[in-house]
Amino acid sequence: MSQPAPHRPLIAPGKAETDLLEPFESLPFQAITLVSTLQGAEQARAALMQEPVWGFDTESRPTFHRDQQSDGPHVVQLAVRHHAWVFQLHDPACRAVVAQLLAEPGPVKAGFGLGDDQKRIVAKLGVAAAHVLDLNHVFRQRGYKKDMGVRAAVAVLFNRRFMKSKKAATSNWAQPALTPAQLAYAANDAWAAYRIYEALGLKP
């Protein structure tokens, strides 16, 4: 009796392949809100708590030495279908609201590669992010051997190229005023995670 052929793991597309694709749409800049005060954080919380799923990511100022410890995250971003909020954590009152949001047990917080993010959140905000879904785990369950990341996931699900600026990624996220490029980068990372969750057909 012949044996069934072994299942081959799916392989995520690499950068060379995704570079050939048409660009993935971006969240309009007017749909991105920078939050740095208690008032802004409370307004964001009121809107977010109406939604069952949030795209989730964080940004930290880069470290440049092997023994240098990150004091991030410096930015937390949360997104829904038509809007994203980019929270700066300088103000203690704003930071406290962000901690409360991340500790909320109800909404799903979906993103990629969130292990380090969660450790930093505990260290900086004193809470553990609740109901977090690392989308890499979903893709592994569906047959992909290696971690996907947002770029490969967008290519697989939308046949589009997710634009990521290396300059923005390695910029100073701890500075008092974020640039438009930083805002767009941070917001779209979280928003793409939301779109991927949606496209996977997952339920909260």
N, C-alpha and C. Protein backbone atom coordinates (compact mmCIF):
# COMPACT_ATOMS: atom_id res chain seq x y z
N MET A 1 0.85 -1.19 0.00
CA MET A 1 0.00 0.00 0.00
C MET A 1 0.88 1.24 0.00
N SER A 2 0.66 2.11 -0.94
CA SER A 2 1.51 3.30 -1.04
C SER A 2 1.22 4.27 0.09
N GLN A 3 2.26 4.96 0.51
CA GLN A 3 2.13 5.94 1.56
C GLN A 3 1.81 7.31 0.94
N PRO A 4 0.99 8.14 1.64
CA PRO A 4 0.73 9.48 1.12
C PRO A 4 2.00 10.31 1.10
N ALA A 5 2.11 11.18 0.11
CA ALA A 5 3.28 12.04 0.02
C ALA A 5 3.35 12.95 1.23
N PRO A 6 4.57 13.16 1.78
CA PRO A 6 4.69 14.03 2.95
C PRO A 6 4.24 15.45 2.61
N HIS A 7 3.59 16.07 3.61
CA HIS A 7 3.12 17.44 3.41
C HIS A 7 4.30 18.40 3.38
N ARG A 8 4.37 19.20 2.35
CA ARG A 8 5.45 20.18 2.24
C ARG A 8 5.02 21.49 2.88
N PRO A 9 5.88 22.05 3.74
CA PRO A 9 5.51 23.34 4.34
C PRO A 9 5.43 24.43 3.27
N LEU A 10 4.52 25.33 3.46
CA LEU A 10 4.41 26.47 2.55
C LEU A 10 5.56 27.43 2.79
N ILE A 11 5.98 28.09 1.75
CA ILE A 11 7.12 29.02 1.85
C ILE A 11 6.64 30.43 1.58
N ALA A 12 6.93 31.31 2.49
CA ALA A 12 6.54 32.71 2.31
C ALA A 12 7.40 33.35 1.23
N PRO A 13 6.83 34.28 0.46
CA PRO A 13 7.63 34.96 -0.56
C PRO A 13 8.71 35.82 0.06
N GLY A 14 9.85 35.89 -0.60
CA GLY A 14 10.95 36.72 -0.13
C GLY A 14 10.87 38.13 -0.67
N LYS A 15 11.84 38.94 -0.27
CA LYS A 15 11.84 40.35 -0.67
C LYS A 15 11.92 40.51 -2.18
N ALA A 16 12.74 39.68 -2.83
CA ALA A 16 12.87 39.81 -4.28
C ALA A 16 11.54 39.58 -4.99
N GLU A 17 10.74 38.66 -4.45
CA GLU A 17 9.43 38.39 -5.05
C GLU A 17 8.44 39.51 -4.74
N THR A 18 8.42 39.95 -3.50
CA THR A 18 7.44 40.98 -3.13
C THR A 18 7.76 42.32 -3.78
N ASP A 19 9.03 42.55 -4.08
CA ASP A 19 9.40 43.82 -4.73
C ASP A 19 8.78 43.96 -6.12
N LEU A 20 8.37 42.86 -6.71
CA LEU A 20 7.78 42.90 -8.06
C LEU A 20 6.28 43.23 -8.03
N LEU A 21 5.69 43.23 -6.86
CA LEU A 21 4.25 43.42 -6.75
C LEU A 21 3.87 44.90 -6.72
N GLU A 22 2.63 45.17 -7.04
CA GLU A 22 2.11 46.53 -6.91
C GLU A 22 2.00 46.90 -5.43
N PRO A 23 2.14 48.18 -5.10
CA PRO A 23 2.11 48.58 -3.68
C PRO A 23 0.75 48.32 -3.02
N PHE A 24 0.82 47.97 -1.77
CA PHE A 24 -0.38 47.83 -0.93
C PHE A 24 -0.85 49.24 -0.56
N GLU A 25 -2.15 49.41 -0.47
CA GLU A 25 -2.67 50.73 -0.12
C GLU A 25 -2.22 51.14 1.27
N SER A 26 -2.15 52.43 1.49
CA SER A 26 -1.80 52.96 2.80
C SER A 26 -3.01 53.59 3.45
N LEU A 27 -2.99 53.66 4.76
CA LEU A 27 -4.05 54.36 5.48
C LEU A 27 -3.91 55.85 5.20
N PRO A 28 -4.98 56.53 4.81
CA PRO A 28 -4.88 57.97 4.56
C PRO A 28 -4.36 58.71 5.79
N PHE A 29 -3.53 59.72 5.55
CA PHE A 29 -2.89 60.40 6.68
C PHE A 29 -3.91 61.05 7.61
N GLN A 30 -5.04 61.48 7.03
CA GLN A 30 -6.07 62.10 7.87
C GLN A 30 -6.77 61.09 8.78
N ALA A 31 -6.52 59.81 8.55
CA ALA A 31 -7.09 58.76 9.39
C ALA A 31 -6.11 58.29 10.47
N ILE A 32 -5.04 59.05 10.65
CA ILE A 32 -4.03 58.74 11.66
C ILE A 32 -4.07 59.83 12.73
N THR A 33 -4.21 59.44 13.98
CA THR A 33 -4.25 60.40 15.08
C THR A 33 -3.04 60.19 16.00
N LEU A 34 -2.27 61.24 16.19
CA LEU A 34 -1.17 61.22 17.16
C LEU A 34 -1.75 61.53 18.53
N VAL A 35 -1.42 60.71 19.50
CA VAL A 35 -1.95 60.87 20.85
C VAL A 35 -0.78 61.05 21.82
N SER A 36 -0.78 62.17 22.55
CA SER A 36 0.32 62.41 23.48
C SER A 36 -0.15 63.00 24.81
N THR A 37 -1.47 63.20 24.96
CA THR A 37 -2.02 63.80 26.18
C THR A 37 -3.11 62.91 26.76
N LEU A 38 -3.49 63.20 28.00
CA LEU A 38 -4.57 62.45 28.64
C LEU A 38 -5.87 62.61 27.87
N GLN A 39 -6.19 63.82 27.47
CA GLN A 39 -7.43 64.06 26.75
C GLN A 39 -7.48 63.25 25.45
N GLY A 40 -6.39 63.30 24.69
CA GLY A 40 -6.33 62.54 23.45
C GLY A 40 -6.42 61.05 23.68
N ALA A 41 -5.78 60.58 24.75
CA ALA A 41 -5.81 59.15 25.06
C ALA A 41 -7.21 58.70 25.44
N GLU A 42 -7.92 59.52 26.18
CA GLU A 42 -9.28 59.15 26.58
C GLU A 42 -10.22 59.13 25.37
N GLN A 43 -10.02 60.06 24.44
CA GLN A 43 -10.83 60.06 23.21
C GLN A 43 -10.53 58.82 22.38
N ALA A 44 -9.26 58.46 22.29
CA ALA A 44 -8.88 57.25 21.55
C ALA A 44 -9.46 56.01 22.21
N ARG A 45 -9.40 55.96 23.53
CA ARG A 45 -9.94 54.80 24.25
C ARG A 45 -11.44 54.63 23.98
N ALA A 46 -12.18 55.75 23.98
CA ALA A 46 -13.62 55.68 23.74
C ALA A 46 -13.92 55.08 22.37
N ALA A 47 -13.12 55.46 21.37
CA ALA A 47 -13.32 54.93 20.01
C ALA A 47 -12.88 53.47 19.92
N LEU A 48 -11.74 53.14 20.50
CA LEU A 48 -11.22 51.79 20.40
C LEU A 48 -12.11 50.77 21.11
N MET A 49 -12.69 51.17 22.22
CA MET A 49 -13.48 50.22 22.99
C MET A 49 -14.79 49.85 22.30
N GLN A 50 -15.08 50.50 21.18
CA GLN A 50 -16.25 50.12 20.38
C GLN A 50 -15.93 48.97 19.41
N GLU A 51 -14.64 48.60 19.33
CA GLU A 51 -14.19 47.65 18.33
C GLU A 51 -13.69 46.36 18.99
N PRO A 52 -13.97 45.19 18.39
CA PRO A 52 -13.54 43.92 19.00
C PRO A 52 -12.12 43.50 18.65
N VAL A 53 -11.53 44.13 17.62
CA VAL A 53 -10.18 43.74 17.16
C VAL A 53 -9.37 45.00 16.92
N TRP A 54 -8.11 44.98 17.39
CA TRP A 54 -7.19 46.09 17.15
C TRP A 54 -5.92 45.55 16.49
N GLY A 55 -5.49 46.19 15.41
CA GLY A 55 -4.13 45.96 14.94
C GLY A 55 -3.18 46.58 15.95
N PHE A 56 -2.06 45.92 16.22
CA PHE A 56 -1.22 46.29 17.36
C PHE A 56 0.26 46.20 16.99
N ASP A 57 1.01 47.22 17.40
CA ASP A 57 2.46 47.19 17.23
C ASP A 57 3.06 48.22 18.17
N THR A 58 4.36 48.17 18.34
CA THR A 58 5.07 49.18 19.12
C THR A 58 6.34 49.58 18.38
N GLU A 59 6.89 50.71 18.77
CA GLU A 59 8.17 51.16 18.23
C GLU A 59 9.06 51.60 19.38
N SER A 60 10.35 51.29 19.26
CA SER A 60 11.32 51.66 20.27
C SER A 60 12.53 52.31 19.62
N ARG A 61 13.12 53.24 20.33
CA ARG A 61 14.36 53.84 19.83
C ARG A 61 15.41 52.74 19.66
N PRO A 62 16.12 52.73 18.53
CA PRO A 62 17.11 51.66 18.32
C PRO A 62 18.24 51.71 19.34
N THR A 63 18.81 50.55 19.61
CA THR A 63 20.02 50.47 20.41
C THR A 63 21.19 50.18 19.46
N PHE A 64 22.34 50.71 19.79
CA PHE A 64 23.47 50.62 18.86
C PHE A 64 24.66 49.86 19.44
N HIS A 65 24.58 49.46 20.70
CA HIS A 65 25.66 48.72 21.32
C HIS A 65 25.12 47.41 21.89
N ARG A 66 25.97 46.40 21.90
CA ARG A 66 25.54 45.07 22.31
C ARG A 66 24.96 45.07 23.72
N ASP A 67 25.57 45.81 24.64
CA ASP A 67 25.14 45.80 26.03
C ASP A 67 24.11 46.88 26.35
N GLN A 68 23.73 47.64 25.37
CA GLN A 68 22.76 48.72 25.60
C GLN A 68 21.36 48.16 25.74
N GLN A 69 20.67 48.54 26.80
CA GLN A 69 19.32 48.07 27.05
C GLN A 69 18.31 49.08 26.51
N SER A 70 17.30 48.58 25.82
CA SER A 70 16.24 49.45 25.32
C SER A 70 15.34 49.88 26.47
N ASP A 71 14.94 51.16 26.47
CA ASP A 71 13.97 51.62 27.45
C ASP A 71 12.62 51.85 26.78
N GLY A 72 12.41 51.17 25.65
CA GLY A 72 11.13 51.25 24.95
C GLY A 72 10.10 50.34 25.57
N PRO A 73 8.89 50.32 25.04
CA PRO A 73 8.52 51.05 23.82
C PRO A 73 8.35 52.54 24.08
N HIS A 74 8.60 53.31 23.03
CA HIS A 74 8.37 54.75 23.09
C HIS A 74 7.08 55.14 22.40
N VAL A 75 6.60 54.24 21.54
CA VAL A 75 5.36 54.47 20.80
C VAL A 75 4.56 53.17 20.80
N VAL A 76 3.26 53.29 21.01
CA VAL A 76 2.34 52.16 20.86
C VAL A 76 1.29 52.56 19.84
N GLN A 77 1.04 51.69 18.86
CA GLN A 77 0.05 52.01 17.85
C GLN A 77 -1.05 50.95 17.82
N LEU A 78 -2.28 51.43 17.73
CA LEU A 78 -3.47 50.58 17.68
C LEU A 78 -4.32 51.04 16.52
N ALA A 79 -4.87 50.09 15.76
CA ALA A 79 -5.61 50.45 14.55
C ALA A 79 -6.87 49.61 14.42
N VAL A 80 -7.88 50.21 13.80
CA VAL A 80 -9.10 49.50 13.41
C VAL A 80 -9.27 49.69 11.91
N ARG A 81 -10.42 49.34 11.37
CA ARG A 81 -10.58 49.28 9.91
C ARG A 81 -10.32 50.61 9.21
N HIS A 82 -10.72 51.71 9.82
CA HIS A 82 -10.62 53.00 9.12
C HIS A 82 -9.82 54.04 9.89
N HIS A 83 -9.10 53.63 10.93
CA HIS A 83 -8.36 54.63 11.70
C HIS A 83 -7.24 53.97 12.49
N ALA A 84 -6.21 54.76 12.77
CA ALA A 84 -5.11 54.29 13.62
C ALA A 84 -4.72 55.41 14.58
N TRP A 85 -4.33 55.00 15.78
CA TRP A 85 -3.87 55.93 16.80
C TRP A 85 -2.42 55.59 17.13
N VAL A 86 -1.58 56.62 17.14
CA VAL A 86 -0.17 56.45 17.47
C VAL A 86 0.06 57.17 18.80
N PHE A 87 0.29 56.39 19.84
CA PHE A 87 0.43 56.92 21.20
C PHE A 87 1.91 57.15 21.54
N GLN A 88 2.24 58.36 21.94
CA GLN A 88 3.55 58.61 22.54
C GLN A 88 3.42 58.42 24.05
N LEU A 89 4.50 57.98 24.67
CA LEU A 89 4.43 57.58 26.07
C LEU A 89 5.18 58.50 27.01
N HIS A 90 5.43 59.75 26.60
CA HIS A 90 6.17 60.67 27.46
C HIS A 90 5.33 61.13 28.66
N ASP A 91 4.06 61.41 28.42
CA ASP A 91 3.19 61.93 29.46
C ASP A 91 2.69 60.80 30.35
N PRO A 92 2.88 60.88 31.68
CA PRO A 92 2.48 59.78 32.56
C PRO A 92 0.98 59.45 32.48
N ALA A 93 0.14 60.47 32.35
CA ALA A 93 -1.30 60.23 32.30
C ALA A 93 -1.69 59.52 31.00
N CYS A 94 -1.10 59.92 29.89
CA CYS A 94 -1.34 59.25 28.61
C CYS A 94 -0.82 57.81 28.68
N ARG A 95 0.34 57.64 29.27
CA ARG A 95 0.94 56.31 29.40
C ARG A 95 0.05 55.39 30.22
N ALA A 96 -0.59 55.93 31.24
CA ALA A 96 -1.47 55.12 32.08
C ALA A 96 -2.69 54.63 31.31
N VAL A 97 -3.23 55.47 30.43
CA VAL A 97 -4.38 55.05 29.62
C VAL A 97 -3.96 53.96 28.64
N VAL A 98 -2.79 54.11 28.04
CA VAL A 98 -2.29 53.08 27.13
C VAL A 98 -2.13 51.75 27.87
N ALA A 99 -1.60 51.80 29.09
CA ALA A 99 -1.46 50.57 29.88
C ALA A 99 -2.83 49.93 30.11
N GLN A 100 -3.83 50.74 30.43
CA GLN A 100 -5.18 50.21 30.63
C GLN A 100 -5.74 49.58 29.36
N LEU A 101 -5.50 50.23 28.22
CA LEU A 101 -5.97 49.69 26.94
C LEU A 101 -5.33 48.33 26.66
N LEU A 102 -4.03 48.24 26.85
CA LEU A 102 -3.34 46.99 26.54
C LEU A 102 -3.74 45.87 27.50
N ALA A 103 -4.11 46.23 28.71
CA ALA A 103 -4.52 45.22 29.69
C ALA A 103 -5.98 44.80 29.53
N GLU A 104 -6.74 45.50 28.68
CA GLU A 104 -8.15 45.15 28.47
C GLU A 104 -8.25 43.71 27.96
N PRO A 105 -9.04 42.86 28.63
CA PRO A 105 -9.10 41.45 28.24
C PRO A 105 -9.99 41.17 27.03
N GLY A 106 -10.84 42.11 26.66
CA GLY A 106 -11.82 41.83 25.61
C GLY A 106 -11.27 41.90 24.19
N PRO A 107 -10.82 43.07 23.74
CA PRO A 107 -10.41 43.21 22.34
C PRO A 107 -9.19 42.35 21.99
N VAL A 108 -9.23 41.74 20.82
CA VAL A 108 -8.06 41.03 20.29
C VAL A 108 -7.05 42.08 19.83
N LYS A 109 -5.79 41.86 20.19
CA LYS A 109 -4.71 42.76 19.77
C LYS A 109 -3.80 41.96 18.85
N ALA A 110 -3.93 42.18 17.55
CA ALA A 110 -3.28 41.33 16.55
C ALA A 110 -2.07 42.03 15.94
N GLY A 111 -0.97 41.30 15.86
CA GLY A 111 0.24 41.86 15.26
C GLY A 111 1.23 40.75 14.94
N PHE A 112 2.45 41.14 14.62
CA PHE A 112 3.49 40.19 14.24
C PHE A 112 4.69 40.30 15.18
N GLY A 113 5.25 39.14 15.53
CA GLY A 113 6.50 39.12 16.30
C GLY A 113 6.42 39.92 17.59
N LEU A 114 5.41 39.62 18.40
CA LEU A 114 5.10 40.47 19.55
C LEU A 114 5.78 40.04 20.85
N GLY A 115 6.65 39.04 20.79
CA GLY A 115 7.29 38.56 22.01
C GLY A 115 8.10 39.64 22.71
N ASP A 116 8.99 40.30 21.98
CA ASP A 116 9.80 41.37 22.57
C ASP A 116 8.93 42.55 22.98
N ASP A 117 7.92 42.85 22.17
CA ASP A 117 7.02 43.96 22.50
C ASP A 117 6.37 43.72 23.87
N GLN A 118 5.93 42.50 24.10
CA GLN A 118 5.24 42.21 25.35
C GLN A 118 6.19 42.33 26.55
N LYS A 119 7.41 41.88 26.39
CA LYS A 119 8.38 42.00 27.49
C LYS A 119 8.64 43.47 27.81
N ARG A 120 8.77 44.28 26.78
CA ARG A 120 9.04 45.70 27.00
C ARG A 120 7.83 46.40 27.61
N ILE A 121 6.64 45.99 27.21
CA ILE A 121 5.43 46.59 27.78
C ILE A 121 5.36 46.31 29.27
N VAL A 122 5.66 45.10 29.69
CA VAL A 122 5.66 44.76 31.11
C VAL A 122 6.67 45.63 31.85
N ALA A 123 7.87 45.75 31.27
CA ALA A 123 8.93 46.52 31.93
C ALA A 123 8.60 48.01 32.00
N LYS A 124 7.99 48.55 30.95
CA LYS A 124 7.77 50.00 30.89
C LYS A 124 6.43 50.41 31.48
N LEU A 125 5.39 49.63 31.21
CA LEU A 125 4.04 50.04 31.61
C LEU A 125 3.52 49.29 32.83
N GLY A 126 4.21 48.23 33.22
CA GLY A 126 3.80 47.51 34.41
C GLY A 126 2.57 46.65 34.23
N VAL A 127 2.20 46.35 32.99
CA VAL A 127 1.06 45.48 32.71
C VAL A 127 1.46 44.47 31.64
N ALA A 128 0.74 43.38 31.60
CA ALA A 128 0.89 42.42 30.51
C ALA A 128 -0.24 42.67 29.51
N ALA A 129 0.11 42.79 28.24
CA ALA A 129 -0.92 42.98 27.22
C ALA A 129 -1.79 41.72 27.17
N ALA A 130 -3.11 41.92 27.19
CA ALA A 130 -4.05 40.80 27.25
C ALA A 130 -4.65 40.53 25.88
N HIS A 131 -5.02 39.26 25.66
CA HIS A 131 -5.70 38.82 24.43
C HIS A 131 -4.90 39.22 23.18
N VAL A 132 -3.61 38.95 23.24
CA VAL A 132 -2.71 39.26 22.13
C VAL A 132 -2.65 38.06 21.18
N LEU A 133 -2.74 38.31 19.90
CA LEU A 133 -2.63 37.26 18.89
C LEU A 133 -1.46 37.59 17.97
N ASP A 134 -0.41 36.76 18.04
CA ASP A 134 0.70 36.91 17.10
C ASP A 134 0.31 36.21 15.81
N LEU A 135 0.14 36.97 14.76
CA LEU A 135 -0.34 36.41 13.49
C LEU A 135 0.63 35.41 12.88
N ASN A 136 1.90 35.46 13.28
CA ASN A 136 2.84 34.43 12.82
C ASN A 136 2.35 33.04 13.22
N HIS A 137 1.75 32.91 14.40
CA HIS A 137 1.26 31.61 14.86
C HIS A 137 0.13 31.11 13.96
N VAL A 138 -0.71 32.02 13.51
CA VAL A 138 -1.81 31.63 12.62
C VAL A 138 -1.26 31.07 11.31
N PHE A 139 -0.27 31.74 10.76
CA PHE A 139 0.31 31.27 9.50
C PHE A 139 1.04 29.94 9.69
N ARG A 140 1.67 29.72 10.83
CA ARG A 140 2.30 28.42 11.09
C ARG A 140 1.25 27.32 11.13
N GLN A 141 0.13 27.61 11.78
CA GLN A 141 -0.95 26.62 11.84
C GLN A 141 -1.49 26.31 10.44
N ARG A 142 -1.34 27.25 9.52
CA ARG A 142 -1.85 27.05 8.16
C ARG A 142 -0.79 26.52 7.21
N GLY A 143 0.38 26.14 7.76
CA GLY A 143 1.34 25.42 6.95
C GLY A 143 2.61 26.14 6.60
N TYR A 144 2.78 27.39 7.05
CA TYR A 144 4.01 28.13 6.76
C TYR A 144 5.05 27.81 7.82
N LYS A 145 6.24 27.45 7.37
CA LYS A 145 7.27 26.96 8.28
C LYS A 145 7.91 28.09 9.07
N LYS A 146 8.21 29.20 8.39
CA LYS A 146 8.92 30.30 9.04
C LYS A 146 7.96 31.44 9.35
N ASP A 147 8.43 32.33 10.24
CA ASP A 147 7.63 33.50 10.55
C ASP A 147 7.39 34.31 9.28
N MET A 148 6.19 34.84 9.17
CA MET A 148 5.82 35.58 7.97
C MET A 148 6.27 37.03 8.03
N GLY A 149 5.82 37.73 9.04
CA GLY A 149 6.01 39.17 9.07
C GLY A 149 4.97 39.84 8.19
N VAL A 150 4.77 41.11 8.40
CA VAL A 150 3.70 41.83 7.72
C VAL A 150 3.92 41.88 6.21
N ARG A 151 5.16 42.02 5.78
CA ARG A 151 5.44 42.16 4.34
C ARG A 151 5.04 40.90 3.57
N ALA A 152 5.48 39.74 4.05
CA ALA A 152 5.16 38.50 3.36
C ALA A 152 3.67 38.20 3.46
N ALA A 153 3.06 38.51 4.61
CA ALA A 153 1.64 38.24 4.78
C ALA A 153 0.79 39.06 3.81
N VAL A 154 1.15 40.31 3.62
CA VAL A 154 0.43 41.16 2.66
C VAL A 154 0.59 40.59 1.24
N ALA A 155 1.78 40.10 0.92
CA ALA A 155 2.00 39.52 -0.41
C ALA A 155 1.13 38.28 -0.61
N VAL A 156 1.05 37.41 0.41
CA VAL A 156 0.28 36.17 0.29
C VAL A 156 -1.21 36.45 0.19
N LEU A 157 -1.71 37.35 1.04
CA LEU A 157 -3.16 37.55 1.14
C LEU A 157 -3.72 38.56 0.13
N PHE A 158 -2.91 39.55 -0.23
CA PHE A 158 -3.40 40.62 -1.10
C PHE A 158 -2.67 40.71 -2.43
N ASN A 159 -1.60 39.92 -2.57
CA ASN A 159 -0.76 39.99 -3.77
C ASN A 159 -0.27 41.42 -4.00
N ARG A 160 0.14 42.05 -2.91
CA ARG A 160 0.63 43.42 -2.95
C ARG A 160 1.92 43.54 -2.13
N ARG A 161 2.65 44.61 -2.39
CA ARG A 161 3.93 44.88 -1.70
C ARG A 161 3.70 45.88 -0.58
N PHE A 162 3.99 45.46 0.65
CA PHE A 162 3.86 46.37 1.79
C PHE A 162 5.11 47.23 1.88
N MET A 163 4.91 48.52 1.89
CA MET A 163 6.03 49.47 1.87
C MET A 163 6.51 49.72 3.30
N LYS A 164 7.79 49.46 3.54
CA LYS A 164 8.37 49.72 4.85
C LYS A 164 9.63 50.55 4.66
N SER A 165 9.69 51.68 5.32
CA SER A 165 10.84 52.57 5.23
C SER A 165 11.88 52.19 6.29
N LYS A 166 13.06 51.78 5.84
CA LYS A 166 14.12 51.44 6.78
C LYS A 166 14.55 52.68 7.57
N LYS A 167 14.51 53.84 6.90
CA LYS A 167 14.89 55.08 7.59
C LYS A 167 13.95 55.36 8.74
N ALA A 168 12.65 55.19 8.51
CA ALA A 168 11.68 55.40 9.59
C ALA A 168 11.82 54.34 10.67
N ALA A 169 12.03 53.09 10.25
CA ALA A 169 12.12 51.99 11.21
C ALA A 169 13.24 52.20 12.21
N THR A 170 14.35 52.75 11.76
CA THR A 170 15.53 52.92 12.62
C THR A 170 15.67 54.34 13.12
N SER A 171 14.61 55.11 13.07
CA SER A 171 14.66 56.50 13.52
C SER A 171 14.49 56.59 15.04
N ASN A 172 14.60 57.78 15.56
CA ASN A 172 14.51 57.99 17.00
C ASN A 172 13.05 58.12 17.43
N TRP A 173 12.50 57.02 17.91
CA TRP A 173 11.10 57.00 18.31
C TRP A 173 10.87 57.66 19.67
N ALA A 174 11.93 58.01 20.35
CA ALA A 174 11.80 58.65 21.66
C ALA A 174 11.77 60.17 21.57
N GLN A 175 11.97 60.72 20.37
CA GLN A 175 12.02 62.18 20.27
C GLN A 175 10.66 62.79 20.59
N PRO A 176 10.65 64.03 21.09
CA PRO A 176 9.39 64.66 21.53
C PRO A 176 8.37 64.81 20.42
N ALA A 177 8.80 65.11 19.21
CA ALA A 177 7.88 65.31 18.09
C ALA A 177 8.18 64.30 17.00
N LEU A 178 7.21 63.46 16.68
CA LEU A 178 7.39 62.48 15.61
C LEU A 178 7.18 63.16 14.26
N THR A 179 7.89 62.69 13.26
CA THR A 179 7.76 63.24 11.91
C THR A 179 6.55 62.61 11.21
N PRO A 180 6.05 63.24 10.15
CA PRO A 180 4.98 62.60 9.37
C PRO A 180 5.36 61.21 8.87
N ALA A 181 6.63 61.04 8.49
CA ALA A 181 7.07 59.72 8.01
C ALA A 181 6.99 58.69 9.13
N GLN A 182 7.36 59.07 10.35
CA GLN A 182 7.25 58.15 11.47
C GLN A 182 5.79 57.80 11.77
N LEU A 183 4.93 58.81 11.74
CA LEU A 183 3.51 58.57 12.00
C LEU A 183 2.93 57.59 10.99
N ALA A 184 3.23 57.82 9.71
CA ALA A 184 2.71 56.95 8.66
C ALA A 184 3.23 55.53 8.82
N TYR A 185 4.52 55.40 9.12
CA TYR A 185 5.14 54.08 9.29
C TYR A 185 4.47 53.32 10.43
N ALA A 186 4.36 53.97 11.59
CA ALA A 186 3.82 53.31 12.77
C ALA A 186 2.36 52.93 12.57
N ALA A 187 1.57 53.88 12.05
CA ALA A 187 0.14 53.62 11.88
C ALA A 187 -0.11 52.50 10.89
N ASN A 188 0.62 52.48 9.79
CA ASN A 188 0.38 51.47 8.77
C ASN A 188 0.83 50.08 9.20
N ASP A 189 1.83 49.98 10.06
CA ASP A 189 2.20 48.67 10.60
C ASP A 189 1.03 48.06 11.36
N ALA A 190 0.41 48.85 12.22
CA ALA A 190 -0.72 48.34 13.00
C ALA A 190 -1.93 48.11 12.11
N TRP A 191 -2.17 49.03 11.18
CA TRP A 191 -3.33 48.91 10.30
C TRP A 191 -3.22 47.69 9.39
N ALA A 192 -2.03 47.42 8.88
CA ALA A 192 -1.83 46.24 8.04
C ALA A 192 -2.10 44.97 8.84
N ALA A 193 -1.70 44.95 10.11
CA ALA A 193 -1.98 43.79 10.95
C ALA A 193 -3.49 43.58 11.08
N TYR A 194 -4.23 44.67 11.23
CA TYR A 194 -5.69 44.56 11.29
C TYR A 194 -6.25 44.00 9.99
N ARG A 195 -5.78 44.52 8.86
CA ARG A 195 -6.26 44.07 7.57
C ARG A 195 -5.95 42.60 7.34
N ILE A 196 -4.79 42.16 7.81
CA ILE A 196 -4.40 40.75 7.66
C ILE A 196 -5.30 39.86 8.52
N TYR A 197 -5.54 40.27 9.74
CA TYR A 197 -6.47 39.54 10.62
C TYR A 197 -7.80 39.38 9.93
N GLU A 198 -8.30 40.45 9.37
CA GLU A 198 -9.59 40.47 8.68
C GLU A 198 -9.58 39.52 7.48
N ALA A 199 -8.49 39.58 6.69
CA ALA A 199 -8.40 38.77 5.49
C ALA A 199 -8.26 37.28 5.81
N LEU A 200 -7.73 36.95 6.95
CA LEU A 200 -7.60 35.55 7.36
C LEU A 200 -8.94 34.95 7.77
N GLY A 201 -9.95 35.78 7.89
CA GLY A 201 -11.26 35.27 8.27
C GLY A 201 -11.36 34.87 9.72
N LEU A 202 -10.52 35.48 10.57
CA LEU A 202 -10.53 35.14 11.98
C LEU A 202 -11.69 35.82 12.69
N LYS A 203 -12.10 35.24 13.81
CA LYS A 203 -13.21 35.80 14.59
C LYS A 203 -12.69 36.17 15.97
N PRO A 204 -13.14 37.31 16.50
CA PRO A 204 -12.70 37.73 17.86
C PRO A 204 -13.07 36.70 18.92
